[in-house]
Amino acid sequence: MIAKTARRTTNPARIDWNSRVSSILSSNSKIEKTPAGVPIVNSGISMAPAKRSGVLNVCPAATAGCIAACVLWFAGRTVTAVVRGAAVARTMLYRFSPDVFWSRLDKEIAAQEAAADAIGARSFVRPNAASDLDYGPEIARRHPRTTAYDYSKVRQRIRDYIAGKFPENYHVCYSVNENSTFLDVAEFLRGGANVVVVVDSYYWGSSKRYGTLPETVTFTGPTGEEITVPAVDGDIADPRTPEFDGRGVAVCLRLKSQSNSVKEAARKSGFARGFQFGGKEFSQRFVFPPARGNLVALLK
């Protein structure tokens, strides 16, 4: 009897990931949405979220809820093999050939700035379209003519932002999740940072039907303490800067996915916050409905 030969596992460090990455910067339907009347050329860096590359956790503060309902893996074109493969390849290039990654990224941002100049627009980039790495400030330093912005669950990054430790062209807001505490959220809001809340409000991109979002959000702590702030519809445009959103506000995003099971996981985990006016009966087609009511978000 001839013994079967064990299948050899390919070493990802020995693969030419550079040839597999067509571009570092990319776009999607959300990033393409920019504030009305403001000429902007925008792009993002989409990696394989959390540990989905198999070699690097690009979301060190990820929670079970956000991993289960990641919009950059379970919604829109991100469910396709082509888009997911491109995200994995970028992550691998960053992990195994960082010098090549940075060299290419610098050239692509410079080209974007030139393209923006040609049409009288401004250059924006979202370093962490599907990740939560700490390289956003470095990108902003290397490219002072581009505005960089991020969402992050890393609390210290928000504190450093409030303390003014980052370049003026870099902005970051805190992503509220099922593990967020009232003390942290209140600290960030009072410090002038913005927070992002996923709201269980109807969203069906293919039919362009959008649910209602709140006018205000009240964050409540375990002993009854509260802080109420204005809400901003974060689905209308993607850039998250004080210029467009203001300061000390709650940016609300509708829960998105092509799978009901993914949405249900987000609800059960507490990652998506229930809202009394978020049902389909309050939704509208082709337009974002006017804000209505107050969302109460219970925190630890």
C-alpha atoms as a PDB file:
ATOM      1  CA  MET A   1       0.000   0.000   0.000  1.00  0.00           C
ATOM      2  CA  ILE A   2       1.422   3.374  -1.016  1.00  0.00           C
ATOM      3  CA  ALA A   3       1.135   6.073   1.641  1.00  0.00           C
ATOM      4  CA  LYS A   4      -0.558   9.292   0.572  1.00  0.00           C
ATOM      5  CA  THR A   5       1.694  12.327   0.341  1.00  0.00           C
ATOM      6  CA  ALA A   6       0.703  15.086   2.744  1.00  0.00           C
ATOM      7  CA  ARG A   7      -0.504  18.190   0.939  1.00  0.00           C
ATOM      8  CA  ARG A   8       1.975  21.022   1.281  1.00  0.00           C
ATOM      9  CA  THR A   9       0.506  24.284   2.597  1.00  0.00           C
ATOM     10  CA  THR A  10       1.572  27.346   0.614  1.00  0.00           C
ATOM     11  CA  ASN A  11       3.625  29.796   2.655  1.00  0.00           C
ATOM     12  CA  PRO A  12       1.889  33.181   2.153  1.00  0.00           C
ATOM     13  CA  ALA A  13       5.136  35.031   2.910  1.00  0.00           C
ATOM     14  CA  ARG A  14       6.640  33.608  -0.293  1.00  0.00           C
ATOM     15  CA  ILE A  15       3.848  34.726  -2.611  1.00  0.00           C
ATOM     16  CA  ASP A  16       4.285  37.793  -4.816  1.00  0.00           C
ATOM     17  CA  TRP A  17       1.398  39.786  -3.374  1.00  0.00           C
ATOM     18  CA  ASN A  18       2.489  42.933  -5.166  1.00  0.00           C
ATOM     19  CA  SER A  19       1.486  41.419  -8.507  1.00  0.00           C
ATOM     20  CA  ARG A  20      -1.898  40.481  -7.066  1.00  0.00           C
ATOM     21  CA  VAL A  21      -2.780  44.004  -5.934  1.00  0.00           C
ATOM     22  CA  SER A  22      -4.052  46.199  -8.753  1.00  0.00           C
ATOM     23  CA  SER A  23      -4.314  49.234  -6.454  1.00  0.00           C
ATOM     24  CA  ILE A  24      -3.996  50.083  -2.774  1.00  0.00           C
ATOM     25  CA  LEU A  25      -6.743  52.696  -2.902  1.00  0.00           C
ATOM     26  CA  SER A  26     -10.237  51.604  -3.842  1.00  0.00           C
ATOM     27  CA  SER A  27     -13.808  52.782  -3.625  1.00  0.00           C
ATOM     28  CA  ASN A  28     -17.307  51.541  -2.894  1.00  0.00           C
ATOM     29  CA  SER A  29     -20.832  52.919  -2.978  1.00  0.00           C
ATOM     30  CA  LYS A  30     -20.478  54.433   0.511  1.00  0.00           C
ATOM     31  CA  ILE A  31     -17.087  56.079  -0.018  1.00  0.00           C
ATOM     32  CA  GLU A  32     -18.370  57.550  -3.277  1.00  0.00           C
ATOM     33  CA  LYS A  33     -21.000  59.513  -1.336  1.00  0.00           C
ATOM     34  CA  THR A  34     -19.617  62.963  -0.554  1.00  0.00           C
ATOM     35  CA  PRO A  35     -21.235  66.097   0.929  1.00  0.00           C
ATOM     36  CA  ALA A  36     -23.452  67.940  -1.536  1.00  0.00           C
ATOM     37  CA  GLY A  37     -21.892  71.002  -3.112  1.00  0.00           C
ATOM     38  CA  VAL A  38     -18.353  70.130  -2.002  1.00  0.00           C
ATOM     39  CA  PRO A  39     -16.086  68.863  -4.808  1.00  0.00           C
ATOM     40  CA  ILE A  40     -14.195  65.901  -3.339  1.00  0.00           C
ATOM     41  CA  VAL A  41     -12.180  63.011  -4.738  1.00  0.00           C
ATOM     42  CA  ASN A  42     -12.416  60.267  -2.130  1.00  0.00           C
ATOM     43  CA  SER A  43     -10.995  56.756  -1.754  1.00  0.00           C
ATOM     44  CA  GLY A  44     -10.237  54.202   0.924  1.00  0.00           C
ATOM     45  CA  ILE A  45      -7.989  51.298   1.808  1.00  0.00           C
ATOM     46  CA  SER A  46     -10.043  48.121   2.090  1.00  0.00           C
ATOM     47  CA  MET A  47      -8.299  45.222   3.772  1.00  0.00           C
ATOM     48  CA  ALA A  48      -9.696  41.881   4.896  1.00  0.00           C
ATOM     49  CA  PRO A  49     -11.419  42.832   8.191  1.00  0.00           C
ATOM     50  CA  ALA A  50     -10.463  41.393  11.579  1.00  0.00           C
ATOM     51  CA  LYS A  51      -8.605  38.073  11.111  1.00  0.00           C
ATOM     52  CA  ARG A  52     -10.104  37.130   7.744  1.00  0.00           C
ATOM     53  CA  SER A  53      -6.739  37.287   5.960  1.00  0.00           C
ATOM     54  CA  GLY A  54      -5.521  34.426   8.136  1.00  0.00           C
ATOM     55  CA  VAL A  55      -2.225  36.145   8.946  1.00  0.00           C
ATOM     56  CA  LEU A  56      -3.001  39.521  10.506  1.00  0.00           C
ATOM     57  CA  ASN A  57      -5.703  40.954  12.752  1.00  0.00           C
ATOM     58  CA  VAL A  58      -6.304  44.405  11.291  1.00  0.00           C
ATOM     59  CA  CYS A  59      -9.050  45.167  13.840  1.00  0.00           C
ATOM     60  CA  PRO A  60      -7.386  44.782  17.272  1.00  0.00           C
ATOM     61  CA  ALA A  61     -10.410  46.113  19.178  1.00  0.00           C
ATOM     62  CA  ALA A  62     -13.050  44.218  17.185  1.00  0.00           C
ATOM     63  CA  THR A  63     -16.021  42.810  19.077  1.00  0.00           C
ATOM     64  CA  ALA A  64     -18.036  39.687  18.372  1.00  0.00           C
ATOM     65  CA  GLY A  65     -20.922  41.844  17.174  1.00  0.00           C
ATOM     66  CA  CYS A  66     -18.966  43.856  14.647  1.00  0.00           C
ATOM     67  CA  ILE A  67     -17.134  40.784  13.324  1.00  0.00           C
ATOM     68  CA  ALA A  68     -20.452  38.988  12.788  1.00  0.00           C
ATOM     69  CA  ALA A  69     -22.048  41.952  11.028  1.00  0.00           C
ATOM     70  CA  CYS A  70     -19.106  43.629   9.282  1.00  0.00           C
ATOM     71  CA  VAL A  71     -20.508  45.706   6.447  1.00  0.00           C
ATOM     72  CA  LEU A  72     -17.178  45.411   4.622  1.00  0.00           C
ATOM     73  CA  TRP A  73     -17.601  41.644   4.398  1.00  0.00           C
ATOM     74  CA  PHE A  74     -21.346  40.979   4.411  1.00  0.00           C
ATOM     75  CA  ALA A  75     -22.923  43.794   2.396  1.00  0.00           C
ATOM     76  CA  GLY A  76     -22.925  45.042  -1.180  1.00  0.00           C
ATOM     77  CA  ARG A  77     -20.098  43.985  -3.482  1.00  0.00           C
ATOM     78  CA  THR A  78     -17.945  42.838  -0.559  1.00  0.00           C
ATOM     79  CA  VAL A  79     -19.688  39.468  -0.619  1.00  0.00           C
ATOM     80  CA  THR A  80     -18.135  38.663  -4.007  1.00  0.00           C
ATOM     81  CA  ALA A  81     -15.000  36.545  -4.356  1.00  0.00           C
ATOM     82  CA  VAL A  82     -13.272  39.212  -6.459  1.00  0.00           C
ATOM     83  CA  VAL A  83     -13.688  41.999  -3.903  1.00  0.00           C
ATOM     84  CA  ARG A  84     -12.811  39.758  -0.970  1.00  0.00           C
ATOM     85  CA  GLY A  85      -9.759  38.442  -2.792  1.00  0.00           C
ATOM     86  CA  ALA A  86      -8.533  41.980  -3.450  1.00  0.00           C
ATOM     87  CA  ALA A  87      -8.966  42.856   0.232  1.00  0.00           C
ATOM     88  CA  VAL A  88      -6.969  39.796   1.289  1.00  0.00           C
ATOM     89  CA  ALA A  89      -4.202  40.617  -1.215  1.00  0.00           C
ATOM     90  CA  ARG A  90      -3.843  44.185   0.127  1.00  0.00           C
ATOM     91  CA  THR A  91      -3.630  42.849   3.659  1.00  0.00           C
ATOM     92  CA  MET A  92      -0.962  40.345   2.652  1.00  0.00           C
ATOM     93  CA  LEU A  93       1.043  43.030   0.851  1.00  0.00           C
ATOM     94  CA  TYR A  94       0.898  45.252   3.932  1.00  0.00           C
ATOM     95  CA  ARG A  95       1.934  42.349   6.166  1.00  0.00           C
ATOM     96  CA  PHE A  96       4.733  40.832   4.113  1.00  0.00           C
ATOM     97  CA  SER A  97       6.020  43.742   1.971  1.00  0.00           C
ATOM     98  CA  PRO A  98       5.370  46.932   3.929  1.00  0.00           C
ATOM     99  CA  ASP A  99       7.974  48.971   2.002  1.00  0.00           C
ATOM    100  CA  VAL A 100       6.255  48.142  -1.274  1.00  0.00           C
ATOM    101  CA  PHE A 101       2.863  48.853   0.262  1.00  0.00           C
ATOM    102  CA  TRP A 102       3.892  52.330   1.444  1.00  0.00           C
ATOM    103  CA  SER A 103       5.707  53.185  -1.772  1.00  0.00           C
ATOM    104  CA  ARG A 104       2.684  52.322  -3.870  1.00  0.00           C
ATOM    105  CA  LEU A 105       0.276  54.047  -1.494  1.00  0.00           C
ATOM    106  CA  ASP A 106       2.292  57.291  -1.577  1.00  0.00           C
ATOM    107  CA  LYS A 107       2.240  57.284  -5.379  1.00  0.00           C
ATOM    108  CA  GLU A 108      -1.490  56.574  -5.530  1.00  0.00           C
ATOM    109  CA  ILE A 109      -2.380  59.354  -3.100  1.00  0.00           C
ATOM    110  CA  ALA A 110      -0.133  61.783  -5.008  1.00  0.00           C
ATOM    111  CA  ALA A 111      -1.941  60.797  -8.218  1.00  0.00           C
ATOM    112  CA  GLN A 112      -5.301  61.321  -6.513  1.00  0.00           C
ATOM    113  CA  GLU A 113      -4.224  64.778  -5.373  1.00  0.00           C
ATOM    114  CA  ALA A 114      -3.229  65.650  -8.937  1.00  0.00           C
ATOM    115  CA  ALA A 115      -6.575  64.381 -10.227  1.00  0.00           C
ATOM    116  CA  ALA A 116      -8.392  66.474  -7.621  1.00  0.00           C
ATOM    117  CA  ASP A 117      -6.376  69.571  -8.536  1.00  0.00           C
ATOM    118  CA  ALA A 118      -7.290  69.108 -12.189  1.00  0.00           C
ATOM    119  CA  ILE A 119     -11.009  69.475 -11.447  1.00  0.00           C
ATOM    120  CA  GLY A 120     -10.772  71.940  -8.561  1.00  0.00           C
ATOM    121  CA  ALA A 121     -11.620  69.341  -5.912  1.00  0.00           C
ATOM    122  CA  ARG A 122     -10.170  68.271  -2.571  1.00  0.00           C
ATOM    123  CA  SER A 123      -8.493  64.959  -1.842  1.00  0.00           C
ATOM    124  CA  PHE A 124      -9.848  62.725   0.935  1.00  0.00           C
ATOM    125  CA  VAL A 125      -8.884  59.209   1.988  1.00  0.00           C
ATOM    126  CA  ARG A 126     -10.257  56.745   4.512  1.00  0.00           C
ATOM    127  CA  PRO A 127      -7.256  54.669   5.657  1.00  0.00           C
ATOM    128  CA  ASN A 128      -9.365  52.079   7.472  1.00  0.00           C
ATOM    129  CA  ALA A 129     -12.321  51.357   5.224  1.00  0.00           C
ATOM    130  CA  ALA A 130     -12.415  47.795   6.591  1.00  0.00           C
ATOM    131  CA  SER A 131      -9.763  47.806   9.297  1.00  0.00           C
ATOM    132  CA  ASP A 132      -8.695  49.619  12.462  1.00  0.00           C
ATOM    133  CA  LEU A 133      -4.938  50.026  12.098  1.00  0.00           C
ATOM    134  CA  ASP A 134      -3.004  52.920  13.588  1.00  0.00           C
ATOM    135  CA  TYR A 135      -1.439  54.167  10.331  1.00  0.00           C
ATOM    136  CA  GLY A 136      -3.984  56.914   9.620  1.00  0.00           C
ATOM    137  CA  PRO A 137      -1.965  59.709  11.256  1.00  0.00           C
ATOM    138  CA  GLU A 138       1.164  58.646   9.329  1.00  0.00           C
ATOM    139  CA  ILE A 139      -0.738  58.807   6.041  1.00  0.00           C
ATOM    140  CA  ALA A 140      -1.919  62.304   6.971  1.00  0.00           C
ATOM    141  CA  ARG A 141       1.634  63.403   7.825  1.00  0.00           C
ATOM    142  CA  ARG A 142       3.004  62.115   4.522  1.00  0.00           C
ATOM    143  CA  HIS A 143       0.208  63.788   2.539  1.00  0.00           C
ATOM    144  CA  PRO A 144      -0.744  67.126   4.130  1.00  0.00           C
ATOM    145  CA  ARG A 145      -2.910  68.087   1.127  1.00  0.00           C
ATOM    146  CA  THR A 146      -5.179  65.083   1.685  1.00  0.00           C
ATOM    147  CA  THR A 147      -7.715  64.872   4.509  1.00  0.00           C
ATOM    148  CA  ALA A 148      -7.702  61.441   6.179  1.00  0.00           C
ATOM    149  CA  TYR A 149     -10.547  60.175   8.362  1.00  0.00           C
ATOM    150  CA  ASP A 150     -11.314  56.989  10.260  1.00  0.00           C
ATOM    151  CA  TYR A 151     -13.779  55.133  12.443  1.00  0.00           C
ATOM    152  CA  SER A 152     -12.107  53.347  15.358  1.00  0.00           C
ATOM    153  CA  LYS A 153     -12.886  51.235  18.418  1.00  0.00           C
ATOM    154  CA  VAL A 154      -9.424  51.894  19.880  1.00  0.00           C
ATOM    155  CA  ARG A 155     -10.115  54.192  22.824  1.00  0.00           C
ATOM    156  CA  GLN A 156      -6.583  55.547  23.158  1.00  0.00           C
ATOM    157  CA  ARG A 157      -6.633  56.704  19.538  1.00  0.00           C
ATOM    158  CA  ILE A 158      -9.705  58.821  20.298  1.00  0.00           C
ATOM    159  CA  ARG A 159      -8.028  60.255  23.389  1.00  0.00           C
ATOM    160  CA  ASP A 160      -4.919  61.140  21.386  1.00  0.00           C
ATOM    161  CA  TYR A 161      -7.126  62.819  18.782  1.00  0.00           C
ATOM    162  CA  ILE A 162      -8.877  64.905  21.430  1.00  0.00           C
ATOM    163  CA  ALA A 163      -5.484  65.840  22.916  1.00  0.00           C
ATOM    164  CA  GLY A 164      -4.334  67.183  19.542  1.00  0.00           C
ATOM    165  CA  LYS A 165      -1.558  64.640  19.036  1.00  0.00           C
ATOM    166  CA  PHE A 166      -2.436  63.970  15.398  1.00  0.00           C
ATOM    167  CA  PRO A 167      -1.995  66.093  12.248  1.00  0.00           C
ATOM    168  CA  GLU A 168      -4.757  68.623  11.614  1.00  0.00           C
ATOM    169  CA  ASN A 169      -5.717  66.795   8.415  1.00  0.00           C
ATOM    170  CA  TYR A 170      -6.538  63.566  10.280  1.00  0.00           C
ATOM    171  CA  HIS A 171      -9.877  62.964  12.007  1.00  0.00           C
ATOM    172  CA  VAL A 172     -11.184  59.920  13.845  1.00  0.00           C
ATOM    173  CA  CYS A 173     -14.496  59.115  15.513  1.00  0.00           C
ATOM    174  CA  TYR A 174     -15.299  56.401  18.021  1.00  0.00           C
ATOM    175  CA  SER A 175     -17.368  53.390  16.943  1.00  0.00           C
ATOM    176  CA  VAL A 176     -19.855  52.587  19.694  1.00  0.00           C
ATOM    177  CA  ASN A 177     -20.270  48.840  20.179  1.00  0.00           C
ATOM    178  CA  GLU A 178     -21.761  46.320  22.588  1.00  0.00           C
ATOM    179  CA  ASN A 179     -18.756  46.682  24.929  1.00  0.00           C
ATOM    180  CA  SER A 180     -18.693  50.483  25.065  1.00  0.00           C
ATOM    181  CA  THR A 181     -18.948  52.149  28.463  1.00  0.00           C
ATOM    182  CA  PHE A 182     -20.867  55.282  29.332  1.00  0.00           C
ATOM    183  CA  LEU A 183     -17.756  56.861  30.859  1.00  0.00           C
ATOM    184  CA  ASP A 184     -15.787  56.472  27.627  1.00  0.00           C
ATOM    185  CA  VAL A 185     -18.550  57.711  25.330  1.00  0.00           C
ATOM    186  CA  ALA A 186     -19.312  60.710  27.558  1.00  0.00           C
ATOM    187  CA  GLU A 187     -15.594  61.538  27.756  1.00  0.00           C
ATOM    188  CA  PHE A 188     -15.213  61.485  23.980  1.00  0.00           C
ATOM    189  CA  LEU A 189     -18.332  63.549  23.297  1.00  0.00           C
ATOM    190  CA  ARG A 190     -17.467  66.162  25.911  1.00  0.00           C
ATOM    191  CA  GLY A 191     -13.947  66.318  24.503  1.00  0.00           C
ATOM    192  CA  GLY A 192     -15.300  67.284  21.078  1.00  0.00           C
ATOM    193  CA  ALA A 193     -14.943  63.944  19.306  1.00  0.00           C
ATOM    194  CA  ASN A 194     -17.826  62.277  17.503  1.00  0.00           C
ATOM    195  CA  VAL A 195     -19.167  58.771  18.036  1.00  0.00           C
ATOM    196  CA  VAL A 196     -20.744  56.381  15.531  1.00  0.00           C
ATOM    197  CA  VAL A 197     -23.818  54.281  16.319  1.00  0.00           C
ATOM    198  CA  VAL A 198     -25.260  51.470  14.190  1.00  0.00           C
ATOM    199  CA  VAL A 199     -29.051  51.823  14.244  1.00  0.00           C
ATOM    200  CA  ASP A 200     -31.464  48.991  13.469  1.00  0.00           C
ATOM    201  CA  SER A 201     -33.200  51.059  10.808  1.00  0.00           C
ATOM    202  CA  TYR A 202     -34.433  49.620   7.518  1.00  0.00           C
ATOM    203  CA  TYR A 203     -31.975  49.692   4.632  1.00  0.00           C
ATOM    204  CA  TRP A 204     -32.314  48.026   1.251  1.00  0.00           C
ATOM    205  CA  GLY A 205     -29.698  49.375  -1.099  1.00  0.00           C
ATOM    206  CA  SER A 206     -30.857  47.610  -4.261  1.00  0.00           C
ATOM    207  CA  SER A 207     -34.290  49.244  -4.072  1.00  0.00           C
ATOM    208  CA  LYS A 208     -32.879  52.449  -2.589  1.00  0.00           C
ATOM    209  CA  ARG A 209     -35.229  52.307   0.370  1.00  0.00           C
ATOM    210  CA  TYR A 210     -33.942  53.953   3.537  1.00  0.00           C
ATOM    211  CA  GLY A 211     -35.281  53.872   7.081  1.00  0.00           C
ATOM    212  CA  THR A 212     -35.661  56.721   9.542  1.00  0.00           C
ATOM    213  CA  LEU A 213     -32.853  57.749  11.882  1.00  0.00           C
ATOM    214  CA  PRO A 214     -33.157  59.699  15.154  1.00  0.00           C
ATOM    215  CA  GLU A 215     -32.810  63.434  15.683  1.00  0.00           C
ATOM    216  CA  THR A 216     -30.935  62.894  18.940  1.00  0.00           C
ATOM    217  CA  VAL A 217     -29.238  60.051  20.779  1.00  0.00           C
ATOM    218  CA  THR A 218     -29.304  59.611  24.554  1.00  0.00           C
ATOM    219  CA  PHE A 219     -26.505  57.467  25.958  1.00  0.00           C
ATOM    220  CA  THR A 220     -27.426  55.981  29.323  1.00  0.00           C
ATOM    221  CA  GLY A 221     -25.069  54.452  31.879  1.00  0.00           C
ATOM    222  CA  PRO A 222     -25.661  51.582  34.324  1.00  0.00           C
ATOM    223  CA  THR A 223     -26.558  53.902  37.200  1.00  0.00           C
ATOM    224  CA  GLY A 224     -28.895  56.139  35.201  1.00  0.00           C
ATOM    225  CA  GLU A 225     -26.461  58.833  34.102  1.00  0.00           C
ATOM    226  CA  GLU A 226     -27.255  60.307  30.688  1.00  0.00           C
ATOM    227  CA  ILE A 227     -25.860  62.456  27.931  1.00  0.00           C
ATOM    228  CA  THR A 228     -27.976  63.526  24.932  1.00  0.00           C
ATOM    229  CA  VAL A 229     -26.396  64.772  21.717  1.00  0.00           C
ATOM    230  CA  PRO A 230     -27.554  65.671  18.186  1.00  0.00           C
ATOM    231  CA  ALA A 231     -27.617  62.869  15.617  1.00  0.00           C
ATOM    232  CA  VAL A 232     -26.165  63.033  12.104  1.00  0.00           C
ATOM    233  CA  ASP A 233     -27.182  60.763   9.215  1.00  0.00           C
ATOM    234  CA  GLY A 234     -23.894  59.075   8.357  1.00  0.00           C
ATOM    235  CA  ASP A 235     -25.273  57.322   5.267  1.00  0.00           C
ATOM    236  CA  ILE A 236     -25.770  60.508   3.263  1.00  0.00           C
ATOM    237  CA  ALA A 237     -22.024  61.067   2.870  1.00  0.00           C
ATOM    238  CA  ASP A 238     -18.958  59.134   3.995  1.00  0.00           C
ATOM    239  CA  PRO A 239     -16.318  61.714   5.042  1.00  0.00           C
ATOM    240  CA  ARG A 240     -16.356  62.047   8.829  1.00  0.00           C
ATOM    241  CA  THR A 241     -14.837  65.393   9.774  1.00  0.00           C
ATOM    242  CA  PRO A 242     -15.970  68.223  12.072  1.00  0.00           C
ATOM    243  CA  GLU A 243     -16.339  70.383   8.970  1.00  0.00           C
ATOM    244  CA  PHE A 244     -19.268  68.255   7.807  1.00  0.00           C
ATOM    245  CA  ASP A 245     -20.583  66.651  11.017  1.00  0.00           C
ATOM    246  CA  GLY A 246     -19.804  69.212  13.712  1.00  0.00           C
ATOM    247  CA  ARG A 247     -18.324  68.155  17.055  1.00  0.00           C
ATOM    248  CA  GLY A 248     -19.736  66.138  19.925  1.00  0.00           C
ATOM    249  CA  VAL A 249     -22.427  64.430  17.835  1.00  0.00           C
ATOM    250  CA  ALA A 250     -23.623  60.878  17.243  1.00  0.00           C
ATOM    251  CA  VAL A 251     -23.192  59.762  13.638  1.00  0.00           C
ATOM    252  CA  CYS A 252     -25.906  57.170  12.932  1.00  0.00           C
ATOM    253  CA  LEU A 253     -25.522  54.403  10.358  1.00  0.00           C
ATOM    254  CA  ARG A 254     -28.299  52.051   9.250  1.00  0.00           C
ATOM    255  CA  LEU A 255     -27.742  48.331   9.781  1.00  0.00           C
ATOM    256  CA  LYS A 256     -26.708  46.805   6.438  1.00  0.00           C
ATOM    257  CA  SER A 257     -26.291  43.287   5.106  1.00  0.00           C
ATOM    258  CA  GLN A 258     -27.593  41.001   2.397  1.00  0.00           C
ATOM    259  CA  SER A 259     -28.293  38.322   4.987  1.00  0.00           C
ATOM    260  CA  ASN A 260     -31.082  38.316   7.568  1.00  0.00           C
ATOM    261  CA  SER A 261     -28.991  36.041   9.785  1.00  0.00           C
ATOM    262  CA  VAL A 262     -26.174  38.597   9.859  1.00  0.00           C
ATOM    263  CA  LYS A 263     -28.602  41.358  10.791  1.00  0.00           C
ATOM    264  CA  GLU A 264     -30.122  39.216  13.519  1.00  0.00           C
ATOM    265  CA  ALA A 265     -26.658  38.518  14.959  1.00  0.00           C
ATOM    266  CA  ALA A 266     -26.001  42.266  15.111  1.00  0.00           C
ATOM    267  CA  ARG A 267     -29.275  42.831  16.948  1.00  0.00           C
ATOM    268  CA  LYS A 268     -28.768  40.029  19.457  1.00  0.00           C
ATOM    269  CA  SER A 269     -25.222  41.084  20.283  1.00  0.00           C
ATOM    270  CA  GLY A 270     -26.281  44.665  20.967  1.00  0.00           C
ATOM    271  CA  PHE A 271     -24.002  45.970  18.216  1.00  0.00           C
ATOM    272  CA  ALA A 272     -27.036  47.440  16.401  1.00  0.00           C
ATOM    273  CA  ARG A 273     -29.309  49.637  18.531  1.00  0.00           C
ATOM    274  CA  GLY A 274     -33.069  49.261  18.270  1.00  0.00           C
ATOM    275  CA  PHE A 275     -35.057  52.327  17.210  1.00  0.00           C
ATOM    276  CA  GLN A 276     -38.827  52.677  17.389  1.00  0.00           C
ATOM    277  CA  PHE A 277     -39.079  54.488  14.041  1.00  0.00           C
ATOM    278  CA  GLY A 278     -36.572  52.293  12.216  1.00  0.00           C
ATOM    279  CA  GLY A 279     -39.035  49.822  10.668  1.00  0.00           C
ATOM    280  CA  LYS A 280     -39.853  49.428   6.998  1.00  0.00           C
ATOM    281  CA  GLU A 281     -43.180  51.185   7.537  1.00  0.00           C
ATOM    282  CA  PHE A 282     -41.269  54.414   8.220  1.00  0.00           C
ATOM    283  CA  SER A 283     -38.852  54.028   5.296  1.00  0.00           C
ATOM    284  CA  GLN A 284     -38.888  55.931   2.000  1.00  0.00           C
ATOM    285  CA  ARG A 285     -37.593  55.182  -1.472  1.00  0.00           C
ATOM    286  CA  PHE A 286     -34.948  57.266  -3.247  1.00  0.00           C
ATOM    287  CA  VAL A 287     -34.616  59.782  -0.386  1.00  0.00           C
ATOM    288  CA  PHE A 288     -33.358  59.652   3.169  1.00  0.00           C
ATOM    289  CA  PRO A 289     -36.334  60.292   5.472  1.00  0.00           C
ATOM    290  CA  PRO A 290     -36.279  63.255   7.854  1.00  0.00           C
ATOM    291  CA  ALA A 291     -34.866  62.456  11.283  1.00  0.00           C
ATOM    292  CA  ARG A 292     -37.458  61.606  13.904  1.00  0.00           C
ATOM    293  CA  GLY A 293     -37.444  61.037  17.650  1.00  0.00           C
ATOM    294  CA  ASN A 294     -34.728  60.071  20.114  1.00  0.00           C
ATOM    295  CA  LEU A 295     -32.681  56.884  20.270  1.00  0.00           C
ATOM    296  CA  VAL A 296     -31.784  55.597  23.748  1.00  0.00           C
ATOM    297  CA  ALA A 297     -28.531  53.615  23.775  1.00  0.00           C
ATOM    298  CA  LEU A 298     -27.787  51.686  26.963  1.00  0.00           C
ATOM    299  CA  LEU A 299     -24.100  51.370  27.780  1.00  0.00           C
ATOM    300  CA  LYS A 300     -22.056  49.524  30.375  1.00  0.00           C
END
